[in-house]
Amino acid sequence: MSENIELNPNPIVQFLQKMPAQFTKSDIIRYIEENNIQMVNFRYAAGDGRLKTLNFVISNKAYLDQVLTSGERVDGSSLFSFMEAGSSDLYVIPRFSTAFIDPFASLPTICFLCSYFDKDGNFLETSPEHSLHKACKAFEEVTGGMEFWAMGELEYYVIGDEEPLFKATDQKGYHESTPFSKYEQFRQEAMYCIAQCGGQIKYGHSEVGNFTMDGKIYEQNEIEFLPVPVRDAADQLMIGKWVIRTLAIQYGLDVTFSPKITVGKAGSGMHVHTRVVKDGVNMYVGENGLSDVAKKVIAGMMKLAPSLSAVGNANPTSYLRLVPHQEAPTTVCWGDRNRSALVRVPLGWSGKTDMCSLANPLEEASKKTFEDKQTVEFRCPDASANVYLLMAGLVVAARYGFEMGNALEFAEQTYVSFNIHKDENADKTTTLDSLPTSCWESAQSIDSMRDIYQAHGVFSKELIDGLIKDLRRFDDKNLRNEMEKNPEIIHSLVKQFYYCG
């Protein structure tokens, strides 16, 4: 435990000398008293996928204890479209394990992510965050104690004034360095702020998308997290998006997580890598490669893929990104290292060669292996998604893979070892399902599979009904045909959903 604390950038961890999962109310009060904290912020995800905020000034210890213990009331009908105004009061209660110091506040401020509770003091059944909690519980019960882990990839564009020097090559920005990458310093500072707020970050880099338009530079970046229990992964993505946007304001820059901002340029996804862990062991690793556990999870993702678009691709611009012949998937299939597939099994570390000693002759060869780093990546989501609903959907799909009688057979049927978009593979394509092409189709898909989501009490009927209603409200059933007749529709949609999620 101490080795995890030593380099942890979260100042609360350093002060208390304990990891966030062990934070108690008394710990929080002691930190506030001894560090002259003047404000408390509650932050909670609403139906639109963004963090909302409630501010408290600390005036006395009794009031501080009351706020931390009993939370506060909020209007649920203003936060969730499925709640009626006539009976919408909710409680928001802070989760102490999520405590972090606001890196942007002018006054010393401590923040918490919150859970929603109903009028009777029970978790709000329709809350996306609680739905994820229920999904995890059902997964552990069905699998005999296995735990679902995840790590997200945040892709986003940074937009600033065009510069005449060291212009990057259009659509060739992948892992570019300064001076051709203009916003590396911004990305590094964002990464450190996220880490201070509790995020476990793997790395950051510039991405493929890089172009100029109307006197502005559009530079695509990505910050990727480390695998953690899926509820923590969702919290970290929420904080990550908030940090990136808030820091952009301080830099005088614009940022968008929009799935697509113009035709012919790379869109931004929010890929999710998954892992199943039991007793500290990565269950995706088998004796001869990918394990049957991993293949069952993949089978569940394949089976539920069209309906997962309902929680992973939440507005019409999502489907401008999910078009053929791009790295974004359109066909329900999976493969090894295959970026045209919906699910990709990334290159792992199963080789027996010690690459470090080969690259560094002064190092002695080690027998240590890194097979436990293996993940399985789900590639269609984007940042329009409500992160908690997306993660809950993925856990449901993984659970269903264990409930399918023919999971391993189904995984074999949907496996591809090639680029699915090549003409010579047309025959294989006809045997595979396609992802929805609109919010309307996604709504139909989750409606047809709602029994799987509602099983074990994970997704409430009201939540799915509300989700379907929101998706159908876009009325985009014939959007692609309409765009062919009038390309200006694309610009209107991009403007409308520029700051989604």
Protein backbone atom coordinates (compact mmCIF):
# COMPACT_ATOMS: atom_id res chain seq x y z
CA MET A 1 0.00 0.00 0.00
CA SER A 2 2.77 2.48 0.92
CA GLU A 3 4.33 2.12 -2.53
CA ASN A 4 1.06 3.32 -4.06
CA ILE A 5 0.97 6.36 -1.75
CA GLU A 6 4.58 7.46 -2.20
CA LEU A 7 4.24 8.98 -5.69
CA ASN A 8 0.49 9.60 -5.67
CA PRO A 9 -0.14 13.20 -6.84
CA ASN A 10 -3.46 13.55 -4.97
CA PRO A 11 -2.65 15.92 -2.05
CA ILE A 12 -5.36 14.37 0.12
CA VAL A 13 -3.72 10.95 -0.27
CA GLN A 14 -0.36 12.44 0.67
CA PHE A 15 -1.73 14.21 3.74
CA LEU A 16 -3.78 11.30 5.08
CA GLN A 17 -1.25 8.64 4.01
CA LYS A 18 -4.05 6.37 2.88
CA MET A 19 -5.59 5.49 -0.47
CA PRO A 20 -8.97 7.00 -1.45
CA ALA A 21 -10.91 3.78 -0.85
CA GLN A 22 -10.04 4.15 2.85
CA PHE A 23 -11.14 7.80 3.23
CA THR A 24 -13.66 8.36 6.05
CA LYS A 25 -15.72 11.38 7.03
CA SER A 26 -13.42 12.08 9.97
CA ASP A 27 -10.44 11.99 7.58
CA ILE A 28 -12.11 14.53 5.33
CA ILE A 29 -12.99 16.87 8.21
CA ARG A 30 -9.44 16.68 9.56
CA TYR A 31 -8.01 17.50 6.13
CA ILE A 32 -10.39 20.46 5.76
CA GLU A 33 -9.53 21.84 9.22
CA GLU A 34 -5.77 21.46 8.94
CA ASN A 35 -5.47 22.72 5.36
CA ASN A 36 -7.68 25.80 5.57
CA ILE A 37 -10.19 24.48 3.01
CA GLN A 38 -12.89 27.13 2.57
CA MET A 39 -15.33 25.59 0.11
CA VAL A 40 -16.97 22.21 -0.53
CA ASN A 41 -18.24 21.26 -4.00
CA PHE A 42 -20.64 18.41 -4.73
CA ARG A 43 -20.40 17.18 -8.32
CA TYR A 44 -22.80 14.69 -9.90
CA ALA A 45 -23.51 13.41 -13.39
CA ALA A 46 -26.88 14.31 -14.91
CA GLY A 47 -28.74 12.70 -17.77
CA ASP A 48 -26.83 14.78 -20.33
CA GLY A 49 -23.59 13.15 -19.17
CA ARG A 50 -22.06 16.34 -17.76
CA LEU A 51 -21.03 17.06 -14.20
CA LYS A 52 -23.29 19.41 -12.26
CA THR A 53 -22.08 21.34 -9.20
CA LEU A 54 -23.42 22.50 -5.83
CA ASN A 55 -21.20 24.87 -3.79
CA PHE A 56 -21.00 25.12 0.01
CA VAL A 57 -19.04 27.66 2.02
CA ILE A 58 -17.63 26.21 5.24
CA SER A 59 -18.90 28.41 8.09
CA ASN A 60 -18.68 26.04 11.07
CA LYS A 61 -17.84 22.45 11.89
CA ALA A 62 -21.42 21.43 12.73
CA TYR A 63 -22.67 22.54 9.31
CA LEU A 64 -19.71 20.84 7.58
CA ASP A 65 -20.54 17.57 9.36
CA GLN A 66 -24.19 17.94 8.41
CA VAL A 67 -23.40 18.53 4.73
CA LEU A 68 -21.05 15.57 4.53
CA THR A 69 -23.52 13.30 6.36
CA SER A 70 -26.93 14.20 4.95
CA GLY A 71 -26.02 15.77 1.62
CA GLU A 72 -28.51 18.16 0.04
CA ARG A 73 -31.70 18.24 -2.02
CA VAL A 74 -31.70 18.78 -5.80
CA ASP A 75 -34.39 18.94 -8.47
CA GLY A 76 -34.29 15.61 -10.31
CA SER A 77 -36.61 16.79 -13.10
CA SER A 78 -33.96 19.35 -14.14
CA LEU A 79 -31.29 16.66 -14.15
CA PHE A 80 -33.04 13.68 -15.75
CA SER A 81 -35.59 13.76 -18.56
CA PHE A 82 -37.41 10.69 -17.20
CA MET A 83 -38.35 12.40 -13.91
CA GLU A 84 -41.61 14.32 -13.51
CA ALA A 85 -41.55 17.80 -11.97
CA GLY A 86 -44.44 16.90 -9.64
CA SER A 87 -42.31 14.55 -7.55
CA SER A 88 -38.69 15.13 -8.38
CA ASP A 89 -36.80 15.94 -5.16
CA LEU A 90 -33.63 13.89 -4.81
CA TYR A 91 -30.76 13.78 -2.36
CA VAL A 92 -27.12 13.98 -3.45
CA ILE A 93 -24.73 12.31 -0.99
CA PRO A 94 -20.94 12.67 -1.32
CA ARG A 95 -18.75 9.60 -1.81
CA PHE A 96 -15.68 10.25 0.33
CA SER A 97 -13.45 7.98 -1.76
CA THR A 98 -13.79 10.43 -4.66
CA ALA A 99 -12.48 13.46 -2.73
CA PHE A 100 -10.08 15.75 -4.58
CA ILE A 101 -8.83 19.32 -4.38
CA ASP A 102 -10.16 21.57 -7.16
CA PRO A 103 -7.03 22.53 -9.14
CA PHE A 104 -8.76 25.58 -10.65
CA ALA A 105 -10.58 27.19 -7.71
CA SER A 106 -9.40 30.59 -6.46
CA LEU A 107 -10.38 29.57 -2.91
CA PRO A 108 -9.09 26.30 -1.38
CA THR A 109 -11.86 23.88 -2.35
CA ILE A 110 -12.50 20.18 -1.84
CA CYS A 111 -14.75 18.30 -4.27
CA PHE A 112 -16.69 15.04 -4.15
CA LEU A 113 -18.59 13.00 -6.68
CA CYS A 114 -22.05 12.15 -5.40
CA SER A 115 -24.67 9.42 -5.57
CA TYR A 116 -28.40 10.07 -5.93
CA PHE A 117 -30.95 8.91 -3.34
CA ASP A 118 -34.75 8.96 -3.50
CA LYS A 119 -37.27 10.38 -1.01
CA ASP A 120 -37.06 7.24 1.14
CA GLY A 121 -33.29 7.38 1.46
CA ASN A 122 -32.62 4.55 -1.00
CA PHE A 123 -30.30 4.66 -3.98
CA LEU A 124 -32.18 6.12 -6.96
CA GLU A 125 -32.96 3.04 -9.03
CA THR A 126 -33.01 4.98 -12.30
CA SER A 127 -29.68 6.71 -11.68
CA PRO A 128 -27.02 5.79 -14.28
CA GLU A 129 -24.38 5.67 -11.55
CA HIS A 130 -26.44 3.26 -9.44
CA SER A 131 -27.29 1.21 -12.53
CA LEU A 132 -23.56 0.66 -12.97
CA HIS A 133 -23.34 -0.43 -9.32
CA LYS A 134 -26.15 -2.96 -9.88
CA ALA A 135 -24.54 -4.19 -13.11
CA CYS A 136 -21.29 -4.91 -11.27
CA LYS A 137 -23.10 -6.77 -8.49
CA ALA A 138 -24.97 -8.97 -10.99
CA PHE A 139 -21.76 -9.66 -12.91
CA GLU A 140 -19.96 -10.80 -9.76
CA GLU A 141 -22.87 -13.06 -8.80
CA VAL A 142 -23.16 -14.69 -12.22
CA THR A 143 -19.41 -15.21 -12.62
CA GLY A 144 -18.69 -16.48 -9.13
CA GLY A 145 -16.81 -13.46 -7.84
CA MET A 146 -15.14 -12.03 -10.93
CA GLU A 147 -14.72 -8.26 -11.10
CA PHE A 148 -15.14 -6.15 -14.25
CA TRP A 149 -12.40 -3.56 -14.84
CA ALA A 150 -12.16 -0.89 -17.51
CA MET A 151 -10.02 1.92 -18.86
CA GLY A 152 -11.26 4.69 -21.11
CA GLU A 153 -9.63 6.63 -23.91
CA LEU A 154 -10.60 10.31 -24.13
CA GLU A 155 -10.17 11.65 -27.66
CA TYR A 156 -10.78 15.35 -28.19
CA TYR A 157 -9.89 18.24 -30.47
CA VAL A 158 -8.10 21.33 -29.21
CA ILE A 159 -8.86 24.42 -31.28
CA GLY A 160 -6.73 27.55 -31.37
CA ASP A 161 -5.57 30.27 -33.74
CA GLU A 162 -3.71 29.12 -36.84
CA GLU A 163 0.08 29.50 -36.72
CA PRO A 164 2.26 29.94 -39.82
CA LEU A 165 5.30 27.97 -38.57
CA PHE A 166 5.80 24.19 -38.35
CA LYS A 167 2.46 23.24 -39.82
CA ALA A 168 1.52 19.63 -39.20
CA THR A 169 0.60 17.35 -42.10
CA ASP A 170 -3.15 17.03 -42.56
CA GLN A 171 -4.51 13.83 -40.93
CA LYS A 172 -0.98 12.74 -39.98
CA GLY A 173 -0.91 13.93 -36.37
CA TYR A 174 -0.51 10.52 -34.71
CA HIS A 175 2.04 10.83 -31.87
CA GLU A 176 3.39 14.07 -33.38
CA SER A 177 5.82 16.08 -31.23
CA THR A 178 6.37 19.79 -30.73
CA PRO A 179 6.76 22.08 -32.58
CA PHE A 180 4.46 20.32 -35.08
CA SER A 181 2.11 19.44 -32.23
CA LYS A 182 0.94 22.77 -30.81
CA TYR A 183 -0.86 21.65 -27.66
CA GLU A 184 1.45 19.14 -26.00
CA GLN A 185 1.98 21.41 -22.98
CA PHE A 186 -1.78 21.82 -22.56
CA ARG A 187 -2.23 18.03 -22.69
CA GLN A 188 0.53 17.43 -20.15
CA GLU A 189 -0.93 19.91 -17.70
CA ALA A 190 -4.39 18.39 -18.15
CA MET A 191 -2.96 14.95 -17.42
CA TYR A 192 -1.32 16.14 -14.22
CA CYS A 193 -4.49 17.91 -13.05
CA ILE A 194 -6.51 14.74 -13.68
CA ALA A 195 -3.96 12.74 -11.70
CA GLN A 196 -4.19 15.21 -8.81
CA CYS A 197 -7.96 14.67 -8.88
CA GLY A 198 -7.55 10.90 -8.56
CA GLY A 199 -7.30 9.77 -12.18
CA GLN A 200 -5.01 6.83 -12.94
CA ILE A 201 -3.47 7.79 -16.28
CA LYS A 202 -1.62 5.49 -18.65
CA TYR A 203 -0.37 8.06 -21.16
CA GLY A 204 -1.28 10.92 -23.47
CA HIS A 205 -0.42 11.76 -27.07
CA SER A 206 -1.53 13.62 -30.17
CA GLU A 207 -3.88 11.71 -32.45
CA VAL A 208 -4.40 11.37 -36.21
CA GLY A 209 -6.75 14.33 -36.67
CA ASN A 210 -4.93 17.54 -37.53
CA PHE A 211 -6.22 20.22 -39.89
CA THR A 212 -6.85 23.93 -40.32
CA MET A 213 -10.23 25.49 -41.06
CA ASP A 214 -11.44 29.10 -41.02
CA GLY A 215 -8.17 30.35 -39.56
CA LYS A 216 -8.14 27.83 -36.71
CA ILE A 217 -5.92 24.84 -35.93
CA TYR A 218 -7.82 21.67 -35.02
CA GLU A 219 -5.48 19.25 -33.25
CA GLN A 220 -6.72 15.90 -32.00
CA ASN A 221 -5.33 14.57 -28.72
CA GLU A 222 -5.93 11.55 -26.54
CA ILE A 223 -5.53 10.77 -22.85
CA GLU A 224 -5.75 7.10 -21.93
CA PHE A 225 -6.34 5.77 -18.43
CA LEU A 226 -5.12 2.67 -16.60
CA PRO A 227 -7.39 -0.32 -15.88
CA VAL A 228 -9.28 0.07 -12.61
CA PRO A 229 -12.59 -1.31 -11.29
CA VAL A 230 -15.24 -0.14 -13.73
CA ARG A 231 -17.01 2.22 -11.30
CA ASP A 232 -13.72 4.02 -10.70
CA ALA A 233 -13.09 4.09 -14.46
CA ALA A 234 -16.40 5.90 -15.01
CA ASP A 235 -15.64 8.44 -12.26
CA GLN A 236 -12.23 9.15 -13.77
CA LEU A 237 -13.62 9.75 -17.26
CA MET A 238 -16.13 12.22 -15.84
CA ILE A 239 -13.39 14.12 -14.01
CA GLY A 240 -11.13 13.91 -17.07
CA LYS A 241 -13.62 15.65 -19.35
CA TRP A 242 -14.28 18.32 -16.72
CA VAL A 243 -10.56 19.01 -16.23
CA ILE A 244 -9.77 19.23 -19.95
CA ARG A 245 -12.59 21.70 -20.59
CA THR A 246 -11.88 23.85 -17.54
CA LEU A 247 -8.17 24.05 -18.28
CA ALA A 248 -8.91 24.97 -21.90
CA ILE A 249 -10.73 28.08 -20.70
CA GLN A 250 -7.64 29.12 -18.73
CA TYR A 251 -5.46 28.63 -21.83
CA GLY A 252 -7.86 30.58 -24.03
CA LEU A 253 -8.48 27.47 -26.13
CA ASP A 254 -11.58 25.64 -27.27
CA VAL A 255 -12.08 21.89 -26.82
CA THR A 256 -14.65 19.51 -28.25
CA PHE A 257 -15.30 15.83 -27.62
CA SER A 258 -17.82 15.80 -30.48
CA PRO A 259 -17.77 12.48 -32.40
CA LYS A 260 -17.47 14.28 -35.74
CA ILE A 261 -16.78 17.92 -36.51
CA THR A 262 -16.30 17.90 -40.28
CA VAL A 263 -16.44 15.47 -43.20
CA GLY A 264 -13.25 13.74 -44.24
CA LYS A 265 -11.37 14.31 -40.99
CA ALA A 266 -10.84 11.87 -38.12
CA GLY A 267 -13.68 11.69 -35.61
CA SER A 268 -13.24 11.33 -31.87
CA GLY A 269 -14.25 8.16 -30.06
CA MET A 270 -14.17 7.10 -26.44
CA HIS A 271 -12.90 3.54 -26.73
CA VAL A 272 -13.16 1.39 -23.62
CA HIS A 273 -10.65 -1.35 -22.79
CA THR A 274 -11.97 -4.06 -20.50
CA ARG A 275 -10.51 -6.67 -18.21
CA VAL A 276 -11.98 -9.31 -15.87
CA VAL A 277 -10.11 -9.88 -12.61
CA LYS A 278 -10.45 -12.51 -9.89
CA ASP A 279 -8.21 -12.64 -6.82
CA GLY A 280 -5.87 -10.16 -8.50
CA VAL A 281 -5.45 -12.29 -11.65
CA ASN A 282 -6.34 -11.10 -15.16
CA MET A 283 -8.83 -13.72 -16.34
CA TYR A 284 -8.41 -12.73 -20.01
CA VAL A 285 -5.08 -14.56 -20.19
CA GLY A 286 -5.21 -18.26 -21.09
CA GLU A 287 -2.53 -20.89 -21.48
CA ASN A 288 -2.45 -20.42 -25.24
CA GLY A 289 -3.53 -16.84 -25.67
CA LEU A 290 -6.97 -15.36 -25.06
CA SER A 291 -8.94 -17.29 -22.43
CA ASP A 292 -12.48 -18.64 -22.64
CA VAL A 293 -13.48 -15.98 -20.09
CA ALA A 294 -12.38 -13.28 -22.54
CA LYS A 295 -14.21 -14.97 -25.41
CA LYS A 296 -17.42 -15.17 -23.38
CA VAL A 297 -17.18 -11.45 -22.64
CA ILE A 298 -16.60 -10.76 -26.33
CA ALA A 299 -19.56 -12.96 -27.28
CA GLY A 300 -21.78 -10.88 -25.00
CA MET A 301 -20.51 -7.68 -26.59
CA MET A 302 -21.16 -9.11 -30.05
CA LYS A 303 -24.70 -10.14 -29.12
CA LEU A 304 -25.63 -6.82 -27.53
CA ALA A 305 -23.58 -4.59 -29.85
CA PRO A 306 -26.47 -2.88 -31.69
CA SER A 307 -28.22 -2.07 -28.42
CA LEU A 308 -24.98 -0.82 -26.83
CA SER A 309 -25.04 2.01 -29.36
CA ALA A 310 -28.03 3.34 -27.41
CA VAL A 311 -25.78 3.99 -24.40
CA GLY A 312 -22.52 4.60 -26.26
CA ASN A 313 -23.57 6.81 -29.20
CA ALA A 314 -26.09 9.25 -27.84
CA ASN A 315 -26.70 11.89 -30.54
CA PRO A 316 -26.93 12.06 -34.36
CA THR A 317 -23.31 13.16 -34.85
CA SER A 318 -22.22 9.83 -33.36
CA TYR A 319 -23.41 8.15 -36.55
CA LEU A 320 -21.45 10.54 -38.78
CA ARG A 321 -18.36 8.89 -37.26
CA LEU A 322 -19.59 5.29 -37.60
CA VAL A 323 -19.25 5.03 -41.37
CA PRO A 324 -17.48 2.39 -43.54
CA HIS A 325 -13.81 2.54 -44.49
CA GLN A 326 -12.77 4.51 -41.41
CA GLU A 327 -11.10 3.22 -38.23
CA ALA A 328 -14.48 3.59 -36.51
CA PRO A 329 -16.40 0.28 -36.68
CA THR A 330 -19.65 -0.40 -38.53
CA THR A 331 -19.74 -4.23 -38.54
CA VAL A 332 -20.31 -6.44 -35.49
CA CYS A 333 -17.12 -8.50 -35.38
CA TRP A 334 -13.90 -8.82 -33.42
CA GLY A 335 -10.29 -9.59 -34.17
CA ASP A 336 -6.67 -9.45 -33.06
CA ARG A 337 -5.04 -6.03 -33.52
CA ASN A 338 -7.81 -5.21 -36.03
CA ARG A 339 -8.90 -1.56 -35.94
CA SER A 340 -11.71 -2.10 -38.43
CA ALA A 341 -13.44 -4.43 -35.96
CA LEU A 342 -15.92 -3.42 -33.28
CA VAL A 343 -13.91 -5.28 -30.64
CA ARG A 344 -10.13 -5.37 -30.90
CA VAL A 345 -7.76 -7.61 -28.97
CA PRO A 346 -4.68 -5.36 -28.71
CA LEU A 347 -1.12 -6.56 -28.95
CA GLY A 348 -0.18 -8.08 -25.60
CA TRP A 349 3.04 -8.91 -23.81
CA SER A 350 2.94 -12.70 -24.07
CA GLY A 351 6.38 -13.05 -25.65
CA LYS A 352 9.21 -14.57 -23.63
CA THR A 353 11.88 -12.14 -24.85
CA ASP A 354 13.13 -9.50 -22.41
CA MET A 355 12.97 -6.51 -24.73
CA CYS A 356 14.30 -4.14 -22.06
CA SER A 357 17.65 -5.96 -21.80
CA LEU A 358 17.92 -6.07 -25.60
CA ALA A 359 17.37 -2.31 -25.84
CA ASN A 360 19.61 -1.67 -22.80
CA PRO A 361 22.65 -3.98 -22.78
CA LEU A 362 23.62 -2.93 -19.25
CA GLU A 363 20.40 -4.41 -17.85
CA GLU A 364 20.30 -8.05 -16.82
CA ALA A 365 17.68 -10.16 -18.53
CA SER A 366 14.57 -10.54 -16.38
CA LYS A 367 12.12 -13.42 -16.25
CA LYS A 368 9.27 -11.08 -15.32
CA THR A 369 6.32 -11.21 -17.73
CA PHE A 370 3.55 -8.71 -18.40
CA GLU A 371 0.78 -10.97 -19.66
CA ASP A 372 -1.59 -9.43 -17.11
CA LYS A 373 -1.69 -6.24 -19.22
CA GLN A 374 -3.96 -7.91 -21.80
CA THR A 375 -7.23 -6.08 -22.47
CA VAL A 376 -10.15 -6.29 -24.89
CA GLU A 377 -11.18 -2.99 -26.50
CA PHE A 378 -14.74 -1.92 -27.40
CA ARG A 379 -14.38 0.70 -30.12
CA CYS A 380 -17.73 2.23 -31.08
CA PRO A 381 -18.54 4.55 -28.11
CA ASP A 382 -17.87 8.27 -28.10
CA ALA A 383 -18.00 11.06 -25.54
CA SER A 384 -21.67 11.84 -26.25
CA ALA A 385 -22.39 8.87 -23.97
CA ASN A 386 -23.40 9.11 -20.36
CA VAL A 387 -20.28 7.39 -19.02
CA TYR A 388 -22.10 5.51 -16.25
CA LEU A 389 -24.76 4.15 -18.61
CA LEU A 390 -22.12 3.13 -21.14
CA MET A 391 -20.10 1.25 -18.53
CA ALA A 392 -23.25 -0.34 -17.10
CA GLY A 393 -24.17 -1.53 -20.61
CA LEU A 394 -20.74 -3.07 -21.15
CA VAL A 395 -20.96 -4.91 -17.82
CA VAL A 396 -24.42 -6.19 -18.78
CA ALA A 397 -23.02 -7.44 -22.10
CA ALA A 398 -20.12 -9.16 -20.35
CA ARG A 399 -22.49 -10.81 -17.88
CA TYR A 400 -24.73 -12.00 -20.70
CA GLY A 401 -21.73 -13.65 -22.34
CA PHE A 402 -21.60 -15.99 -19.33
CA GLU A 403 -25.34 -16.61 -19.53
CA MET A 404 -25.32 -17.55 -23.23
CA GLY A 405 -25.32 -21.27 -23.88
CA ASN A 406 -23.32 -20.92 -27.08
CA ALA A 407 -20.98 -18.05 -26.19
CA LEU A 408 -17.74 -19.65 -27.39
CA GLU A 409 -19.35 -20.78 -30.64
CA PHE A 410 -20.82 -17.32 -31.21
CA ALA A 411 -17.44 -15.71 -30.53
CA GLU A 412 -15.88 -17.96 -33.18
CA GLN A 413 -18.58 -17.04 -35.72
CA THR A 414 -17.98 -13.31 -35.30
CA TYR A 415 -14.16 -13.45 -35.38
CA VAL A 416 -12.33 -11.87 -38.34
CA SER A 417 -8.61 -11.88 -39.04
CA PHE A 418 -8.60 -9.17 -41.71
CA ASN A 419 -9.83 -5.67 -42.57
CA ILE A 420 -13.56 -6.18 -42.84
CA HIS A 421 -14.01 -3.29 -45.30
CA LYS A 422 -11.88 -4.76 -48.10
CA ASP A 423 -13.85 -5.87 -51.18
CA GLU A 424 -12.49 -9.41 -51.06
CA ASN A 425 -14.14 -9.84 -47.66
CA ALA A 426 -17.63 -8.93 -48.85
CA ASP A 427 -18.91 -12.51 -48.44
CA LYS A 428 -17.92 -12.57 -44.77
CA THR A 429 -19.57 -9.20 -44.19
CA THR A 430 -22.95 -10.54 -45.29
CA THR A 431 -22.90 -13.05 -42.41
CA LEU A 432 -22.32 -10.36 -39.76
CA ASP A 433 -24.67 -7.81 -38.21
CA SER A 434 -24.16 -4.08 -38.66
CA LEU A 435 -24.27 -1.34 -36.06
CA PRO A 436 -27.22 1.06 -36.11
CA THR A 437 -26.93 4.07 -38.41
CA SER A 438 -29.00 6.47 -36.29
CA CYS A 439 -30.27 7.17 -32.80
CA TRP A 440 -33.65 5.91 -33.99
CA GLU A 441 -32.22 2.49 -34.89
CA SER A 442 -30.30 2.35 -31.61
CA ALA A 443 -33.53 2.97 -29.72
CA GLN A 444 -35.17 0.09 -31.56
CA SER A 445 -32.22 -2.18 -30.74
CA ILE A 446 -32.22 -1.58 -27.00
CA ASP A 447 -36.01 -1.86 -26.93
CA SER A 448 -35.78 -5.31 -28.54
CA MET A 449 -33.15 -6.42 -26.01
CA ARG A 450 -34.50 -4.69 -22.92
CA ASP A 451 -35.12 -7.99 -21.10
CA ILE A 452 -31.36 -8.59 -20.95
CA TYR A 453 -30.71 -5.11 -19.52
CA GLN A 454 -33.58 -5.33 -17.04
CA ALA A 455 -32.53 -8.80 -15.83
CA HIS A 456 -31.17 -8.88 -12.26
CA GLY A 457 -32.81 -5.47 -11.76
CA VAL A 458 -29.87 -3.65 -13.40
CA PHE A 459 -31.59 -1.21 -15.79
CA SER A 460 -34.98 -0.08 -14.57
CA LYS A 461 -37.91 -0.01 -17.00
CA GLU A 462 -38.20 3.74 -16.45
CA LEU A 463 -34.56 4.28 -17.33
CA ILE A 464 -34.80 2.34 -20.60
CA ASP A 465 -38.09 4.01 -21.50
CA GLY A 466 -36.51 7.41 -20.90
CA LEU A 467 -33.43 6.48 -22.92
CA ILE A 468 -35.56 5.33 -25.86
CA LYS A 469 -37.66 8.50 -25.67
CA ASP A 470 -34.53 10.70 -25.75
CA LEU A 471 -33.05 8.84 -28.74
CA ARG A 472 -36.27 8.91 -30.75
CA ARG A 473 -36.68 12.62 -30.07
CA PHE A 474 -33.83 13.29 -32.52
CA ASP A 475 -36.02 11.89 -35.32
CA ASP A 476 -32.94 10.97 -37.36
CA LYS A 477 -34.26 7.79 -38.96
CA ASN A 478 -33.66 9.12 -42.50
CA LEU A 479 -30.76 11.42 -41.66
CA ARG A 480 -28.21 9.86 -44.00
CA ASN A 481 -30.52 10.14 -47.00
CA GLU A 482 -31.31 13.73 -46.09
CA MET A 483 -27.61 14.59 -45.81
CA GLU A 484 -26.96 13.32 -49.33
CA LYS A 485 -29.52 15.82 -50.62
CA ASN A 486 -28.42 18.64 -48.32
CA PRO A 487 -24.83 18.44 -46.96
CA GLU A 488 -25.40 21.59 -44.90
CA ILE A 489 -27.32 19.46 -42.42
CA ILE A 490 -23.97 18.12 -41.20
CA HIS A 491 -22.73 21.59 -40.22
CA SER A 492 -25.97 22.29 -38.40
CA LEU A 493 -25.72 19.05 -36.43
CA VAL A 494 -22.08 19.59 -35.53
CA LYS A 495 -22.89 23.06 -34.22
CA GLN A 496 -25.84 21.73 -32.21
CA PHE A 497 -23.86 18.95 -30.51
CA TYR A 498 -20.40 20.54 -30.44
CA TYR A 499 -20.19 20.41 -26.63
CA CYS A 500 -21.94 17.08 -26.13
CA GLY A 501 -21.28 14.84 -23.16
